[in-house]
Amino acid sequence: MSDPSVRVEFEKALDVIRNLGAQVVDPTDIPSVEEILQGDDQFTVVDVDFKVSLSAIIMRLTLMLFVNLVSTEQLVRISSQ
């Protein structure tokens, strides 16, 4: 943050968050917009999409099979029967 007034307001916001009980991790390494646009974050998207899709599949199977799936091992075991 190059503008000192922005830094002051940012620190005030962090103080509010801390006073509400949050733990602020500082410093954090947040990439710039340029780094994000130039980066190859397709794996992050695929990873998140996979987890969301897997959760939806498990929920549907739980409803269809009347079983509470709690692990991927259980899912594999049921699917191989």
C-alpha atoms as a PDB file:
ATOM      1  CA  MET A   1       0.000   0.000   0.000  1.00  0.00           C
ATOM      2  CA  SER A   2       1.751   3.098  -1.163  1.00  0.00           C
ATOM      3  CA  ASP A   3      -0.816   5.682   0.013  1.00  0.00           C
ATOM      4  CA  PRO A   4      -0.273   6.333   3.743  1.00  0.00           C
ATOM      5  CA  SER A   5      -3.941   7.219   4.318  1.00  0.00           C
ATOM      6  CA  VAL A   6      -4.989   3.842   2.922  1.00  0.00           C
ATOM      7  CA  ARG A   7      -2.558   2.117   5.288  1.00  0.00           C
ATOM      8  CA  VAL A   8      -4.007   3.990   8.285  1.00  0.00           C
ATOM      9  CA  GLU A   9      -7.579   3.009   7.390  1.00  0.00           C
ATOM     10  CA  PHE A  10      -6.510  -0.559   6.710  1.00  0.00           C
ATOM     11  CA  GLU A  11      -4.904  -0.810  10.147  1.00  0.00           C
ATOM     12  CA  LYS A  12      -8.074   0.626  11.733  1.00  0.00           C
ATOM     13  CA  ALA A  13     -10.129  -2.065   9.989  1.00  0.00           C
ATOM     14  CA  LEU A  14      -7.740  -4.744  11.246  1.00  0.00           C
ATOM     15  CA  ASP A  15      -8.093  -3.384  14.792  1.00  0.00           C
ATOM     16  CA  VAL A  16     -11.881  -3.678  14.523  1.00  0.00           C
ATOM     17  CA  ILE A  17     -11.557  -7.259  13.337  1.00  0.00           C
ATOM     18  CA  ARG A  18      -9.145  -8.091  16.177  1.00  0.00           C
ATOM     19  CA  ASN A  19     -11.421  -6.441  18.753  1.00  0.00           C
ATOM     20  CA  LEU A  20     -14.264  -8.648  17.526  1.00  0.00           C
ATOM     21  CA  GLY A  21     -12.161 -11.693  18.369  1.00  0.00           C
ATOM     22  CA  ALA A  22     -10.586 -12.597  15.050  1.00  0.00           C
ATOM     23  CA  GLN A  23      -6.982 -13.691  14.767  1.00  0.00           C
ATOM     24  CA  VAL A  24      -5.311 -11.700  12.030  1.00  0.00           C
ATOM     25  CA  VAL A  25      -2.390 -13.458  10.363  1.00  0.00           C
ATOM     26  CA  ASP A  26       0.105 -10.811   9.440  1.00  0.00           C
ATOM     27  CA  PRO A  27       2.026 -10.680   7.245  1.00  0.00           C
ATOM     28  CA  THR A  28       0.272 -12.693   4.599  1.00  0.00           C
ATOM     29  CA  ASP A  29       1.516 -13.261   1.093  1.00  0.00           C
ATOM     30  CA  ILE A  30      -1.316 -12.193  -1.179  1.00  0.00           C
ATOM     31  CA  PRO A  31      -0.500 -12.102  -4.878  1.00  0.00           C
ATOM     32  CA  SER A  32      -1.088  -8.926  -6.840  1.00  0.00           C
ATOM     33  CA  VAL A  33      -3.739  -8.766  -9.538  1.00  0.00           C
ATOM     34  CA  GLU A  34      -1.007  -9.046 -12.156  1.00  0.00           C
ATOM     35  CA  GLU A  35       0.345 -12.240 -10.553  1.00  0.00           C
ATOM     36  CA  ILE A  36      -3.141 -13.736 -10.378  1.00  0.00           C
ATOM     37  CA  LEU A  37      -3.842 -12.940 -14.037  1.00  0.00           C
ATOM     38  CA  GLN A  38      -0.463 -14.320 -15.143  1.00  0.00           C
ATOM     39  CA  GLY A  39      -0.572 -17.362 -12.874  1.00  0.00           C
ATOM     40  CA  ASP A  40      -1.716 -20.847 -13.740  1.00  0.00           C
ATOM     41  CA  ASP A  41      -4.355 -21.397 -11.109  1.00  0.00           C
ATOM     42  CA  GLN A  42      -6.435 -23.862 -13.079  1.00  0.00           C
ATOM     43  CA  PHE A  43      -5.481 -26.548 -10.583  1.00  0.00           C
ATOM     44  CA  THR A  44      -6.978 -24.502  -7.765  1.00  0.00           C
ATOM     45  CA  VAL A  45     -10.220 -24.207  -9.712  1.00  0.00           C
ATOM     46  CA  VAL A  46     -10.228 -27.912 -10.542  1.00  0.00           C
ATOM     47  CA  ASP A  47      -9.512 -28.805  -6.913  1.00  0.00           C
ATOM     48  CA  VAL A  48     -12.359 -26.656  -5.594  1.00  0.00           C
ATOM     49  CA  ASP A  49     -14.734 -27.827  -8.319  1.00  0.00           C
ATOM     50  CA  PHE A  50     -13.870 -31.457  -7.559  1.00  0.00           C
ATOM     51  CA  LYS A  51     -14.589 -31.012  -3.845  1.00  0.00           C
ATOM     52  CA  VAL A  52     -17.917 -29.298  -4.506  1.00  0.00           C
ATOM     53  CA  SER A  53     -18.920 -31.952  -7.041  1.00  0.00           C
ATOM     54  CA  LEU A  54     -17.853 -34.787  -4.763  1.00  0.00           C
ATOM     55  CA  SER A  55     -19.877 -33.324  -1.905  1.00  0.00           C
ATOM     56  CA  ALA A  56     -22.950 -33.145  -4.136  1.00  0.00           C
ATOM     57  CA  ILE A  57     -22.467 -36.737  -5.296  1.00  0.00           C
ATOM     58  CA  ILE A  58     -22.076 -37.985  -1.735  1.00  0.00           C
ATOM     59  CA  MET A  59     -25.217 -36.136  -0.679  1.00  0.00           C
ATOM     60  CA  ARG A  60     -27.219 -37.674  -3.543  1.00  0.00           C
ATOM     61  CA  LEU A  61     -25.905 -41.153  -2.798  1.00  0.00           C
ATOM     62  CA  THR A  62     -26.691 -40.729   0.876  1.00  0.00           C
ATOM     63  CA  LEU A  63     -30.290 -39.892  -0.005  1.00  0.00           C
ATOM     64  CA  MET A  64     -30.588 -42.681  -2.582  1.00  0.00           C
ATOM     65  CA  LEU A  65     -28.955 -45.442  -0.552  1.00  0.00           C
ATOM     66  CA  PHE A  66     -30.200 -44.387   2.878  1.00  0.00           C
ATOM     67  CA  VAL A  67     -26.649 -44.624   4.219  1.00  0.00           C
ATOM     68  CA  ASN A  68     -24.526 -42.015   5.929  1.00  0.00           C
ATOM     69  CA  LEU A  69     -21.317 -41.724   3.935  1.00  0.00           C
ATOM     70  CA  VAL A  70     -18.487 -40.461   6.086  1.00  0.00           C
ATOM     71  CA  SER A  71     -15.402 -41.241   4.033  1.00  0.00           C
ATOM     72  CA  THR A  72     -14.179 -41.747   0.508  1.00  0.00           C
ATOM     73  CA  GLU A  73     -13.197 -45.291   1.475  1.00  0.00           C
ATOM     74  CA  GLN A  74     -16.826 -46.022   2.335  1.00  0.00           C
ATOM     75  CA  LEU A  75     -17.906 -44.519  -0.990  1.00  0.00           C
ATOM     76  CA  VAL A  76     -15.456 -46.755  -2.880  1.00  0.00           C
ATOM     77  CA  ARG A  77     -16.601 -49.810  -0.917  1.00  0.00           C
ATOM     78  CA  ILE A  78     -20.276 -49.134  -1.692  1.00  0.00           C
ATOM     79  CA  SER A  79     -19.610 -48.400  -5.362  1.00  0.00           C
ATOM     80  CA  SER A  80     -17.697 -51.677  -5.797  1.00  0.00           C
ATOM     81  CA  GLN A  81     -20.572 -53.827  -4.443  1.00  0.00           C
END
